Amino acid sequence: MTRYLLFFLVAISIGRPSNSQQVQISKEELISLTPEWKGERFPDGRPKVPDDIIRRMKAVSVEEAWATMNNAGYRYQIAEGWEVINPDSVLCGRAVTTTFMPGRPDVWKAIDSLGKKEGRRSQNVWTVEMLVKGDVYVADQFGAKKNGPTIGDNVGNAIYARTGNGIVYDGALRDLEGLKEIGGFTSYYTSYDPSYHNPGGGQNRDLTTMIVGINHPTRIRTVTVMPGDVVLGKMGVVVFIPPQLAERVVKTSEIVRLRDQFGHLRLREGKYTAGQIDARWTDEIEKDFSKWLNDHINELPVGKEQIQEYLKDRTW
């Protein structure tokens, strides 16, 4: 793990085909860092949680996601303390990770020369040029503010055009008014500053940031984020869900949602007491719940196929 995170020249990913990936973590190495994911992957090895799970994840509450991950031993998956663009909307998609560090002329020059050999432009768009639909750009920019912003309204529009999503960005944005005009650009960021990332290189005294990793493990607040994690941003916080837990989180949330709807209904009807609904349900209540699901299968906020799958596993 250390050699992926601390050796700058190995930690850069430029997103070209395999013959020109000498400075990019190999597909095999990325797979070795995400061994619990058994499903489909992108060509570079990044886990690809199915679109249907991403769609259903949008309805999952922060509490439901936290509970399922906490029970599985993942206790540090929520990042708080954000400014938000479109706070009433939900951000959901697959993480593409980027790590920046404070600029150092000799290292910046070495990194940039590698990018130029691949035909790359300014470092702040290297990751952007790799994004695809459904991705969420997740960047650790160490909270950089003055001369730090690598995203303004031009890069923001490019990100949205490629992904249909917003970003999670631990740093300062610029052109905030322009970014807010991008309708679906629901984004979590640390601060705002009118300055900009200066791509001038080793001779520029204002150089403040350099890219040191793309699609490698990165840190967002107190969370270790992996490429392919499912990003869920709502209620002012961001949840990072390991891909192998995504389906479990969704299914658990859907059942909790249905049980809550049934329980609230029966409480209003006076059929059961709060003590009965708050406690472990008796066989009688469980049978009533299953019958209610079957009778209202076309009217509930969970897909018919998911309810049928749940009922099939019931023993009554």
C-alpha atoms as a PDB file:
ATOM      1  CA  MET A   1       0.000   0.000   0.000  1.00  0.00           C
ATOM      2  CA  THR A   2       2.733   2.474   0.896  1.00  0.00           C
ATOM      3  CA  ARG A   3       4.314   2.406  -2.531  1.00  0.00           C
ATOM      4  CA  TYR A   4       0.979   3.396  -4.086  1.00  0.00           C
ATOM      5  CA  LEU A   5       0.423   6.355  -1.799  1.00  0.00           C
ATOM      6  CA  LEU A   6       3.806   7.879  -1.140  1.00  0.00           C
ATOM      7  CA  PHE A   7       5.791   7.523  -4.335  1.00  0.00           C
ATOM      8  CA  PHE A   8       4.522  10.413  -6.442  1.00  0.00           C
ATOM      9  CA  LEU A   9       5.512   9.197  -9.858  1.00  0.00           C
ATOM     10  CA  VAL A  10       3.771   5.890  -9.388  1.00  0.00           C
ATOM     11  CA  ALA A  11       0.713   7.582  -7.900  1.00  0.00           C
ATOM     12  CA  ILE A  12      -0.176   9.484 -11.076  1.00  0.00           C
ATOM     13  CA  SER A  13      -2.764   8.000 -13.404  1.00  0.00           C
ATOM     14  CA  ILE A  14      -3.091   9.506 -16.861  1.00  0.00           C
ATOM     15  CA  GLY A  15      -5.855   7.267 -18.140  1.00  0.00           C
ATOM     16  CA  ARG A  16      -4.362   6.075 -21.425  1.00  0.00           C
ATOM     17  CA  PRO A  17      -4.474   2.531 -22.825  1.00  0.00           C
ATOM     18  CA  SER A  18      -2.267  -0.080 -21.184  1.00  0.00           C
ATOM     19  CA  ASN A  19       0.783   0.457 -23.409  1.00  0.00           C
ATOM     20  CA  SER A  20       1.214   4.004 -22.093  1.00  0.00           C
ATOM     21  CA  GLN A  21       0.349   3.443 -18.445  1.00  0.00           C
ATOM     22  CA  GLN A  22       3.893   3.210 -17.072  1.00  0.00           C
ATOM     23  CA  VAL A  23       3.025   5.775 -14.395  1.00  0.00           C
ATOM     24  CA  GLN A  24      -0.476   4.484 -13.699  1.00  0.00           C
ATOM     25  CA  ILE A  25      -1.410   1.806 -11.241  1.00  0.00           C
ATOM     26  CA  SER A  26      -2.065  -1.325 -13.256  1.00  0.00           C
ATOM     27  CA  LYS A  27      -5.447  -2.997 -13.526  1.00  0.00           C
ATOM     28  CA  GLU A  28      -4.083  -5.922 -11.545  1.00  0.00           C
ATOM     29  CA  GLU A  29      -2.896  -3.651  -8.732  1.00  0.00           C
ATOM     30  CA  LEU A  30      -6.230  -1.858  -8.514  1.00  0.00           C
ATOM     31  CA  ILE A  31      -8.041  -5.183  -8.388  1.00  0.00           C
ATOM     32  CA  SER A  32      -5.706  -6.291  -5.600  1.00  0.00           C
ATOM     33  CA  LEU A  33      -6.715  -3.198  -3.576  1.00  0.00           C
ATOM     34  CA  THR A  34     -10.440  -3.964  -4.002  1.00  0.00           C
ATOM     35  CA  PRO A  35     -10.540  -7.758  -3.639  1.00  0.00           C
ATOM     36  CA  GLU A  36     -13.994  -7.959  -2.038  1.00  0.00           C
ATOM     37  CA  TRP A  37     -15.704  -6.605  -5.146  1.00  0.00           C
ATOM     38  CA  LYS A  38     -16.693  -9.564  -7.346  1.00  0.00           C
ATOM     39  CA  GLY A  39     -18.770  -7.770  -9.949  1.00  0.00           C
ATOM     40  CA  GLU A  40     -18.146  -5.873 -13.188  1.00  0.00           C
ATOM     41  CA  ARG A  41     -15.217  -3.466 -13.483  1.00  0.00           C
ATOM     42  CA  PHE A  42     -14.200  -0.621 -15.739  1.00  0.00           C
ATOM     43  CA  PRO A  43     -11.312  -1.346 -18.148  1.00  0.00           C
ATOM     44  CA  ASP A  44      -8.779   0.069 -15.657  1.00  0.00           C
ATOM     45  CA  GLY A  45     -10.032  -2.210 -12.877  1.00  0.00           C
ATOM     46  CA  ARG A  46     -12.283   0.272 -11.054  1.00  0.00           C
ATOM     47  CA  PRO A  47     -15.364  -1.456  -9.528  1.00  0.00           C
ATOM     48  CA  LYS A  48     -18.544  -0.737 -11.477  1.00  0.00           C
ATOM     49  CA  VAL A  49     -21.569  -0.966  -9.219  1.00  0.00           C
ATOM     50  CA  PRO A  50     -24.647  -1.590 -11.444  1.00  0.00           C
ATOM     51  CA  ASP A  51     -26.704   1.374 -12.624  1.00  0.00           C
ATOM     52  CA  ASP A  52     -29.820  -0.038 -10.956  1.00  0.00           C
ATOM     53  CA  ILE A  53     -28.134  -0.007  -7.544  1.00  0.00           C
ATOM     54  CA  ILE A  54     -26.937   3.566  -8.122  1.00  0.00           C
ATOM     55  CA  ARG A  55     -30.494   4.594  -9.033  1.00  0.00           C
ATOM     56  CA  ARG A  56     -31.995   2.956  -5.955  1.00  0.00           C
ATOM     57  CA  MET A  57     -29.224   4.320  -3.702  1.00  0.00           C
ATOM     58  CA  LYS A  58     -30.571   7.851  -4.129  1.00  0.00           C
ATOM     59  CA  ALA A  59     -33.509   7.001  -1.852  1.00  0.00           C
ATOM     60  CA  VAL A  60     -31.302   5.604   0.937  1.00  0.00           C
ATOM     61  CA  SER A  61     -31.104   7.779   4.041  1.00  0.00           C
ATOM     62  CA  VAL A  62     -27.781   8.684   5.622  1.00  0.00           C
ATOM     63  CA  GLU A  63     -28.831   6.834   8.787  1.00  0.00           C
ATOM     64  CA  GLU A  64     -29.704   3.669   6.888  1.00  0.00           C
ATOM     65  CA  ALA A  65     -26.405   3.677   5.005  1.00  0.00           C
ATOM     66  CA  TRP A  66     -24.474   4.358   8.222  1.00  0.00           C
ATOM     67  CA  ALA A  67     -26.183   1.531  10.108  1.00  0.00           C
ATOM     68  CA  THR A  68     -25.535  -1.093   7.429  1.00  0.00           C
ATOM     69  CA  MET A  69     -21.875  -0.107   7.008  1.00  0.00           C
ATOM     70  CA  ASN A  70     -21.320   0.180  10.753  1.00  0.00           C
ATOM     71  CA  ASN A  71     -22.703  -3.326  11.244  1.00  0.00           C
ATOM     72  CA  ALA A  72     -20.266  -4.554   8.584  1.00  0.00           C
ATOM     73  CA  GLY A  73     -17.313  -2.951  10.414  1.00  0.00           C
ATOM     74  CA  TYR A  74     -16.963   0.201   8.263  1.00  0.00           C
ATOM     75  CA  ARG A  75     -17.235   2.945  10.879  1.00  0.00           C
ATOM     76  CA  TYR A  76     -15.564   5.922   9.205  1.00  0.00           C
ATOM     77  CA  GLN A  77     -17.415   6.372   5.917  1.00  0.00           C
ATOM     78  CA  ILE A  78     -19.182   9.696   6.447  1.00  0.00           C
ATOM     79  CA  ALA A  79     -17.630  13.105   5.765  1.00  0.00           C
ATOM     80  CA  GLU A  80     -19.218  16.223   7.248  1.00  0.00           C
ATOM     81  CA  GLY A  81     -18.696  19.982   7.234  1.00  0.00           C
ATOM     82  CA  TRP A  82     -19.400  20.997   3.627  1.00  0.00           C
ATOM     83  CA  GLU A  83     -20.639  23.918   1.606  1.00  0.00           C
ATOM     84  CA  VAL A  84     -23.195  22.600  -0.888  1.00  0.00           C
ATOM     85  CA  ILE A  85     -24.392  23.540  -4.351  1.00  0.00           C
ATOM     86  CA  ASN A  86     -28.031  22.426  -4.758  1.00  0.00           C
ATOM     87  CA  PRO A  87     -28.491  21.304  -1.133  1.00  0.00           C
ATOM     88  CA  ASP A  88     -32.022  20.013  -1.794  1.00  0.00           C
ATOM     89  CA  SER A  89     -30.778  17.537  -4.424  1.00  0.00           C
ATOM     90  CA  VAL A  90     -29.006  14.188  -4.080  1.00  0.00           C
ATOM     91  CA  LEU A  91     -25.499  13.461  -5.337  1.00  0.00           C
ATOM     92  CA  CYS A  92     -24.994   9.799  -6.196  1.00  0.00           C
ATOM     93  CA  GLY A  93     -22.507   7.955  -8.389  1.00  0.00           C
ATOM     94  CA  ARG A  94     -19.222   6.055  -8.592  1.00  0.00           C
ATOM     95  CA  ALA A  95     -16.097   7.719  -7.218  1.00  0.00           C
ATOM     96  CA  VAL A  96     -13.158   8.718  -9.381  1.00  0.00           C
ATOM     97  CA  THR A  97     -10.466   9.833  -6.942  1.00  0.00           C
ATOM     98  CA  THR A  98      -7.851  12.548  -7.253  1.00  0.00           C
ATOM     99  CA  THR A  99      -5.186  13.696  -4.795  1.00  0.00           C
ATOM    100  CA  PHE A 100      -3.415  17.055  -4.871  1.00  0.00           C
ATOM    101  CA  MET A 101      -0.539  18.205  -2.661  1.00  0.00           C
ATOM    102  CA  PRO A 102       1.148  21.559  -2.065  1.00  0.00           C
ATOM    103  CA  GLY A 103       3.298  22.478  -5.036  1.00  0.00           C
ATOM    104  CA  ARG A 104       7.025  21.774  -4.916  1.00  0.00           C
ATOM    105  CA  PRO A 105       8.894  22.912  -8.058  1.00  0.00           C
ATOM    106  CA  ASP A 106      11.138  19.899  -8.629  1.00  0.00           C
ATOM    107  CA  VAL A 107       8.364  17.336  -8.076  1.00  0.00           C
ATOM    108  CA  TRP A 108       5.838  19.413 -10.025  1.00  0.00           C
ATOM    109  CA  LYS A 109       8.216  19.554 -12.991  1.00  0.00           C
ATOM    110  CA  ALA A 110       8.821  15.806 -12.944  1.00  0.00           C
ATOM    111  CA  ILE A 111       5.110  15.046 -12.780  1.00  0.00           C
ATOM    112  CA  ASP A 112       4.200  17.555 -15.471  1.00  0.00           C
ATOM    113  CA  SER A 113       6.855  16.265 -17.856  1.00  0.00           C
ATOM    114  CA  LEU A 114       5.316  12.804 -17.613  1.00  0.00           C
ATOM    115  CA  GLY A 115       1.939  14.268 -18.479  1.00  0.00           C
ATOM    116  CA  LYS A 116       3.307  16.179 -21.442  1.00  0.00           C
ATOM    117  CA  LYS A 117       4.759  12.975 -22.858  1.00  0.00           C
ATOM    118  CA  GLU A 118       1.188  11.693 -22.907  1.00  0.00           C
ATOM    119  CA  GLY A 119      -0.114  14.850 -24.556  1.00  0.00           C
ATOM    120  CA  ARG A 120      -1.744  16.115 -21.376  1.00  0.00           C
ATOM    121  CA  ARG A 121      -2.608  19.731 -20.691  1.00  0.00           C
ATOM    122  CA  SER A 122      -2.901  21.479 -17.326  1.00  0.00           C
ATOM    123  CA  GLN A 123      -2.849  19.082 -14.386  1.00  0.00           C
ATOM    124  CA  ASN A 124      -6.239  20.251 -13.097  1.00  0.00           C
ATOM    125  CA  VAL A 125      -8.022  18.577 -16.038  1.00  0.00           C
ATOM    126  CA  TRP A 126      -6.172  15.252 -16.134  1.00  0.00           C
ATOM    127  CA  THR A 127      -8.853  13.512 -14.113  1.00  0.00           C
ATOM    128  CA  VAL A 128     -11.688  15.373 -15.818  1.00  0.00           C
ATOM    129  CA  GLU A 129     -10.673  13.882 -19.162  1.00  0.00           C
ATOM    130  CA  MET A 130     -11.130  10.370 -17.736  1.00  0.00           C
ATOM    131  CA  LEU A 131     -14.670  10.790 -16.391  1.00  0.00           C
ATOM    132  CA  VAL A 132     -17.695   8.927 -17.756  1.00  0.00           C
ATOM    133  CA  LYS A 133     -21.439   9.052 -17.120  1.00  0.00           C
ATOM    134  CA  GLY A 134     -22.385   8.278 -13.542  1.00  0.00           C
ATOM    135  CA  ASP A 135     -18.992   9.182 -12.075  1.00  0.00           C
ATOM    136  CA  VAL A 136     -18.453  11.565  -9.183  1.00  0.00           C
ATOM    137  CA  TYR A 137     -15.190  13.521  -9.173  1.00  0.00           C
ATOM    138  CA  VAL A 138     -13.779  13.149  -5.637  1.00  0.00           C
ATOM    139  CA  ALA A 139     -10.728  15.302  -4.909  1.00  0.00           C
ATOM    140  CA  ASP A 140      -8.537  15.780  -1.852  1.00  0.00           C
ATOM    141  CA  GLN A 141      -7.019  19.207  -2.352  1.00  0.00           C
ATOM    142  CA  PHE A 142      -5.895  19.528   1.270  1.00  0.00           C
ATOM    143  CA  GLY A 143      -8.365  22.388   1.808  1.00  0.00           C
ATOM    144  CA  ALA A 144      -6.293  24.715  -0.418  1.00  0.00           C
ATOM    145  CA  LYS A 145      -7.781  28.183  -0.801  1.00  0.00           C
ATOM    146  CA  LYS A 146      -5.801  31.154  -2.163  1.00  0.00           C
ATOM    147  CA  ASN A 147      -4.280  30.258  -5.572  1.00  0.00           C
ATOM    148  CA  GLY A 148      -5.663  26.781  -5.035  1.00  0.00           C
ATOM    149  CA  PRO A 149      -8.950  26.383  -6.960  1.00  0.00           C
ATOM    150  CA  THR A 150      -8.642  23.866  -9.791  1.00  0.00           C
ATOM    151  CA  ILE A 151     -12.372  23.971 -10.602  1.00  0.00           C
ATOM    152  CA  GLY A 152     -14.308  26.951 -11.906  1.00  0.00           C
ATOM    153  CA  ASP A 153     -17.329  27.177 -14.179  1.00  0.00           C
ATOM    154  CA  ASN A 154     -15.445  25.976 -17.296  1.00  0.00           C
ATOM    155  CA  VAL A 155     -14.081  22.815 -15.646  1.00  0.00           C
ATOM    156  CA  GLY A 156     -17.375  22.382 -13.795  1.00  0.00           C
ATOM    157  CA  ASN A 157     -19.296  22.361 -17.064  1.00  0.00           C
ATOM    158  CA  ALA A 158     -16.822  19.841 -18.502  1.00  0.00           C
ATOM    159  CA  ILE A 159     -17.298  17.583 -15.476  1.00  0.00           C
ATOM    160  CA  TYR A 160     -21.074  17.793 -15.696  1.00  0.00           C
ATOM    161  CA  ALA A 161     -21.080  17.142 -19.445  1.00  0.00           C
ATOM    162  CA  ARG A 162     -19.097  13.959 -18.951  1.00  0.00           C
ATOM    163  CA  THR A 163     -20.773  12.628 -15.796  1.00  0.00           C
ATOM    164  CA  GLY A 164     -24.194  14.218 -15.352  1.00  0.00           C
ATOM    165  CA  ASN A 165     -23.058  14.632 -11.739  1.00  0.00           C
ATOM    166  CA  GLY A 166     -21.397  17.053  -9.367  1.00  0.00           C
ATOM    167  CA  ILE A 167     -18.283  16.730  -7.224  1.00  0.00           C
ATOM    168  CA  VAL A 168     -16.879  16.180  -3.735  1.00  0.00           C
ATOM    169  CA  TYR A 169     -14.001  18.618  -3.445  1.00  0.00           C
ATOM    170  CA  ASP A 170     -11.943  19.254  -0.303  1.00  0.00           C
ATOM    171  CA  GLY A 171     -10.673  22.621  -1.461  1.00  0.00           C
ATOM    172  CA  ALA A 172     -11.835  25.993  -2.750  1.00  0.00           C
ATOM    173  CA  LEU A 173     -13.977  26.484  -5.850  1.00  0.00           C
ATOM    174  CA  ARG A 174     -14.007  29.613  -7.981  1.00  0.00           C
ATOM    175  CA  ASP A 175     -16.734  30.998 -10.297  1.00  0.00           C
ATOM    176  CA  LEU A 176     -19.319  29.896  -7.774  1.00  0.00           C
ATOM    177  CA  GLU A 177     -22.127  31.853  -9.433  1.00  0.00           C
ATOM    178  CA  GLY A 178     -21.404  30.122 -12.727  1.00  0.00           C
ATOM    179  CA  LEU A 179     -21.262  26.692 -11.090  1.00  0.00           C
ATOM    180  CA  LYS A 180     -24.653  27.261  -9.501  1.00  0.00           C
ATOM    181  CA  GLU A 181     -26.106  27.871 -12.949  1.00  0.00           C
ATOM    182  CA  ILE A 182     -25.308  24.270 -13.948  1.00  0.00           C
ATOM    183  CA  GLY A 183     -28.669  22.750 -13.065  1.00  0.00           C
ATOM    184  CA  GLY A 184     -27.680  19.282 -11.896  1.00  0.00           C
ATOM    185  CA  PHE A 185     -24.244  20.089 -10.559  1.00  0.00           C
ATOM    186  CA  THR A 186     -24.972  19.030  -6.962  1.00  0.00           C
ATOM    187  CA  SER A 187     -21.621  19.455  -5.266  1.00  0.00           C
ATOM    188  CA  TYR A 188     -19.901  19.373  -1.880  1.00  0.00           C
ATOM    189  CA  TYR A 189     -16.912  21.657  -1.405  1.00  0.00           C
ATOM    190  CA  THR A 190     -14.870  23.235   1.383  1.00  0.00           C
ATOM    191  CA  SER A 191     -14.740  26.931   0.522  1.00  0.00           C
ATOM    192  CA  TYR A 192     -14.865  29.607  -2.156  1.00  0.00           C
ATOM    193  CA  ASP A 193     -12.022  31.808  -3.421  1.00  0.00           C
ATOM    194  CA  PRO A 194     -11.846  33.995  -6.544  1.00  0.00           C
ATOM    195  CA  SER A 195      -8.204  33.063  -7.216  1.00  0.00           C
ATOM    196  CA  TYR A 196      -7.243  30.171  -9.443  1.00  0.00           C
ATOM    197  CA  HIS A 197      -4.858  27.241  -9.702  1.00  0.00           C
ATOM    198  CA  ASN A 198      -1.728  28.521 -11.427  1.00  0.00           C
ATOM    199  CA  PRO A 199      -0.307  25.993 -13.899  1.00  0.00           C
ATOM    200  CA  GLY A 200       2.889  27.941 -14.442  1.00  0.00           C
ATOM    201  CA  GLY A 201       5.297  25.274 -13.238  1.00  0.00           C
ATOM    202  CA  GLY A 202       8.485  25.343 -11.247  1.00  0.00           C
ATOM    203  CA  GLN A 203       9.384  28.963 -12.020  1.00  0.00           C
ATOM    204  CA  ASN A 204       6.066  30.367 -10.759  1.00  0.00           C
ATOM    205  CA  ARG A 205       6.207  31.571  -7.171  1.00  0.00           C
ATOM    206  CA  ASP A 206       2.413  31.349  -6.880  1.00  0.00           C
ATOM    207  CA  LEU A 207       2.296  27.635  -7.666  1.00  0.00           C
ATOM    208  CA  THR A 208       0.341  26.069  -4.811  1.00  0.00           C
ATOM    209  CA  THR A 209      -0.908  22.658  -5.942  1.00  0.00           C
ATOM    210  CA  MET A 210       0.205  19.662  -7.932  1.00  0.00           C
ATOM    211  CA  ILE A 211      -1.543  16.430  -8.781  1.00  0.00           C
ATOM    212  CA  VAL A 212      -0.023  13.314  -7.252  1.00  0.00           C
ATOM    213  CA  GLY A 213      -2.648  10.636  -7.740  1.00  0.00           C
ATOM    214  CA  ILE A 214      -5.657   9.687  -9.851  1.00  0.00           C
ATOM    215  CA  ASN A 215      -7.851   6.678  -9.028  1.00  0.00           C
ATOM    216  CA  HIS A 216      -5.790   5.725  -6.013  1.00  0.00           C
ATOM    217  CA  PRO A 217      -6.872   5.584  -2.370  1.00  0.00           C
ATOM    218  CA  THR A 218      -7.401   9.119  -1.148  1.00  0.00           C
ATOM    219  CA  ARG A 219      -8.543  10.861   2.035  1.00  0.00           C
ATOM    220  CA  ILE A 220     -11.659  13.009   2.309  1.00  0.00           C
ATOM    221  CA  ARG A 221     -11.968  14.394   5.849  1.00  0.00           C
ATOM    222  CA  THR A 222     -11.632  11.245   8.010  1.00  0.00           C
ATOM    223  CA  VAL A 223     -12.680   8.817   5.273  1.00  0.00           C
ATOM    224  CA  THR A 224     -10.442   6.647   3.117  1.00  0.00           C
ATOM    225  CA  VAL A 225     -12.071   6.732  -0.317  1.00  0.00           C
ATOM    226  CA  MET A 226     -11.421   4.118  -2.967  1.00  0.00           C
ATOM    227  CA  PRO A 227     -12.081   4.447  -6.695  1.00  0.00           C
ATOM    228  CA  GLY A 228     -15.434   2.817  -7.385  1.00  0.00           C
ATOM    229  CA  ASP A 229     -16.942   3.615  -3.988  1.00  0.00           C
ATOM    230  CA  VAL A 230     -20.553   4.729  -4.264  1.00  0.00           C
ATOM    231  CA  VAL A 231     -20.850   8.389  -3.315  1.00  0.00           C
ATOM    232  CA  LEU A 232     -24.094   9.459  -1.635  1.00  0.00           C
ATOM    233  CA  GLY A 233     -24.398  13.157  -0.818  1.00  0.00           C
ATOM    234  CA  LYS A 234     -27.513  14.390   0.962  1.00  0.00           C
ATOM    235  CA  MET A 235     -28.565  16.321   4.063  1.00  0.00           C
ATOM    236  CA  GLY A 236     -25.256  18.206   4.002  1.00  0.00           C
ATOM    237  CA  VAL A 237     -23.026  15.141   4.425  1.00  0.00           C
ATOM    238  CA  VAL A 238     -21.294  12.721   2.075  1.00  0.00           C
ATOM    239  CA  VAL A 239     -21.347   8.953   2.530  1.00  0.00           C
ATOM    240  CA  PHE A 240     -18.768   6.741   0.793  1.00  0.00           C
ATOM    241  CA  ILE A 241     -20.086   3.188   0.397  1.00  0.00           C
ATOM    242  CA  PRO A 242     -17.648   0.383  -0.470  1.00  0.00           C
ATOM    243  CA  PRO A 243     -18.857  -1.264  -3.697  1.00  0.00           C
ATOM    244  CA  GLN A 244     -19.204  -4.695  -2.096  1.00  0.00           C
ATOM    245  CA  LEU A 245     -21.689  -3.212   0.406  1.00  0.00           C
ATOM    246  CA  ALA A 246     -23.726  -1.144  -2.043  1.00  0.00           C
ATOM    247  CA  GLU A 247     -26.404  -3.734  -2.817  1.00  0.00           C
ATOM    248  CA  ARG A 248     -26.729  -4.656   0.860  1.00  0.00           C
ATOM    249  CA  VAL A 249     -27.161  -0.990   1.800  1.00  0.00           C
ATOM    250  CA  VAL A 250     -29.868  -0.524  -0.837  1.00  0.00           C
ATOM    251  CA  LYS A 251     -31.827  -3.676   0.013  1.00  0.00           C
ATOM    252  CA  THR A 252     -31.650  -3.062   3.751  1.00  0.00           C
ATOM    253  CA  SER A 253     -32.840   0.513   3.239  1.00  0.00           C
ATOM    254  CA  GLU A 254     -35.776  -0.597   1.094  1.00  0.00           C
ATOM    255  CA  ILE A 255     -36.970  -3.099   3.681  1.00  0.00           C
ATOM    256  CA  VAL A 256     -36.582  -0.569   6.499  1.00  0.00           C
ATOM    257  CA  ARG A 257     -38.553   1.960   4.452  1.00  0.00           C
ATOM    258  CA  LEU A 258     -41.385  -0.516   3.859  1.00  0.00           C
ATOM    259  CA  ARG A 259     -41.459  -1.661   7.465  1.00  0.00           C
ATOM    260  CA  ASP A 260     -41.600   1.965   8.628  1.00  0.00           C
ATOM    261  CA  GLN A 261     -44.467   2.741   6.267  1.00  0.00           C
ATOM    262  CA  PHE A 262     -46.400  -0.325   7.442  1.00  0.00           C
ATOM    263  CA  GLY A 263     -45.660   0.345  11.116  1.00  0.00           C
ATOM    264  CA  HIS A 264     -46.726   3.989  10.914  1.00  0.00           C
ATOM    265  CA  LEU A 265     -49.938   2.979   9.156  1.00  0.00           C
ATOM    266  CA  ARG A 266     -50.841   0.367  11.764  1.00  0.00           C
ATOM    267  CA  LEU A 267     -50.053   2.840  14.576  1.00  0.00           C
ATOM    268  CA  ARG A 268     -52.412   5.417  13.062  1.00  0.00           C
ATOM    269  CA  GLU A 269     -55.058   2.740  12.713  1.00  0.00           C
ATOM    270  CA  GLY A 270     -54.581   1.750  16.348  1.00  0.00           C
ATOM    271  CA  LYS A 271     -54.058  -1.902  15.425  1.00  0.00           C
ATOM    272  CA  TYR A 272     -50.737  -2.145  17.289  1.00  0.00           C
ATOM    273  CA  THR A 273     -49.150  -0.160  20.088  1.00  0.00           C
ATOM    274  CA  ALA A 274     -45.900   1.784  19.836  1.00  0.00           C
ATOM    275  CA  GLY A 275     -44.334  -0.805  22.124  1.00  0.00           C
ATOM    276  CA  GLN A 276     -45.258  -3.585  19.717  1.00  0.00           C
ATOM    277  CA  ILE A 277     -43.927  -1.756  16.659  1.00  0.00           C
ATOM    278  CA  ASP A 278     -40.716  -0.569  18.353  1.00  0.00           C
ATOM    279  CA  ALA A 279     -39.905  -4.049  19.674  1.00  0.00           C
ATOM    280  CA  ARG A 280     -39.007  -7.161  17.733  1.00  0.00           C
ATOM    281  CA  TRP A 281     -42.103  -7.990  15.735  1.00  0.00           C
ATOM    282  CA  THR A 282     -44.140 -11.047  16.635  1.00  0.00           C
ATOM    283  CA  ASP A 283     -44.973 -13.690  14.045  1.00  0.00           C
ATOM    284  CA  GLU A 284     -48.463 -12.200  13.848  1.00  0.00           C
ATOM    285  CA  ILE A 285     -47.127  -8.748  12.889  1.00  0.00           C
ATOM    286  CA  GLU A 286     -44.642 -10.249  10.437  1.00  0.00           C
ATOM    287  CA  LYS A 287     -47.445 -12.166   8.711  1.00  0.00           C
ATOM    288  CA  ASP A 288     -49.547  -9.006   8.619  1.00  0.00           C
ATOM    289  CA  PHE A 289     -46.610  -7.132   7.082  1.00  0.00           C
ATOM    290  CA  SER A 290     -46.095  -9.757   4.366  1.00  0.00           C
ATOM    291  CA  LYS A 291     -49.794  -9.719   3.489  1.00  0.00           C
ATOM    292  CA  TRP A 292     -49.770  -5.910   3.367  1.00  0.00           C
ATOM    293  CA  LEU A 293     -46.789  -5.965   1.007  1.00  0.00           C
ATOM    294  CA  ASN A 294     -48.510  -8.416  -1.308  1.00  0.00           C
ATOM    295  CA  ASP A 295     -51.804  -6.526  -1.269  1.00  0.00           C
ATOM    296  CA  HIS A 296     -50.186  -3.144  -2.029  1.00  0.00           C
ATOM    297  CA  ILE A 297     -47.274  -4.268  -4.189  1.00  0.00           C
ATOM    298  CA  ASN A 298     -48.078  -1.817  -6.996  1.00  0.00           C
ATOM    299  CA  GLU A 299     -48.526   1.188  -4.704  1.00  0.00           C
ATOM    300  CA  LEU A 300     -45.336   1.141  -2.616  1.00  0.00           C
ATOM    301  CA  PRO A 301     -42.176   3.289  -2.959  1.00  0.00           C
ATOM    302  CA  VAL A 302     -40.029   0.231  -3.659  1.00  0.00           C
ATOM    303  CA  GLY A 303     -39.977  -1.581  -6.980  1.00  0.00           C
ATOM    304  CA  LYS A 304     -42.345  -4.513  -7.498  1.00  0.00           C
ATOM    305  CA  GLU A 305     -39.464  -6.839  -8.383  1.00  0.00           C
ATOM    306  CA  GLN A 306     -37.641  -6.001  -5.146  1.00  0.00           C
ATOM    307  CA  ILE A 307     -40.781  -6.641  -3.064  1.00  0.00           C
ATOM    308  CA  GLN A 308     -41.410  -9.951  -4.838  1.00  0.00           C
ATOM    309  CA  GLU A 309     -37.824 -10.978  -4.143  1.00  0.00           C
ATOM    310  CA  TYR A 310     -38.282 -10.152  -0.463  1.00  0.00           C
ATOM    311  CA  LEU A 311     -41.612 -12.033  -0.237  1.00  0.00           C
ATOM    312  CA  LYS A 312     -40.087 -15.075  -1.928  1.00  0.00           C
ATOM    313  CA  ASP A 313     -37.622 -15.372   0.942  1.00  0.00           C
ATOM    314  CA  ARG A 314     -40.322 -15.171   3.622  1.00  0.00           C
ATOM    315  CA  THR A 315     -41.300 -18.356   5.454  1.00  0.00           C
ATOM    316  CA  TRP A 316     -45.030 -17.591   5.798  1.00  0.00           C
END
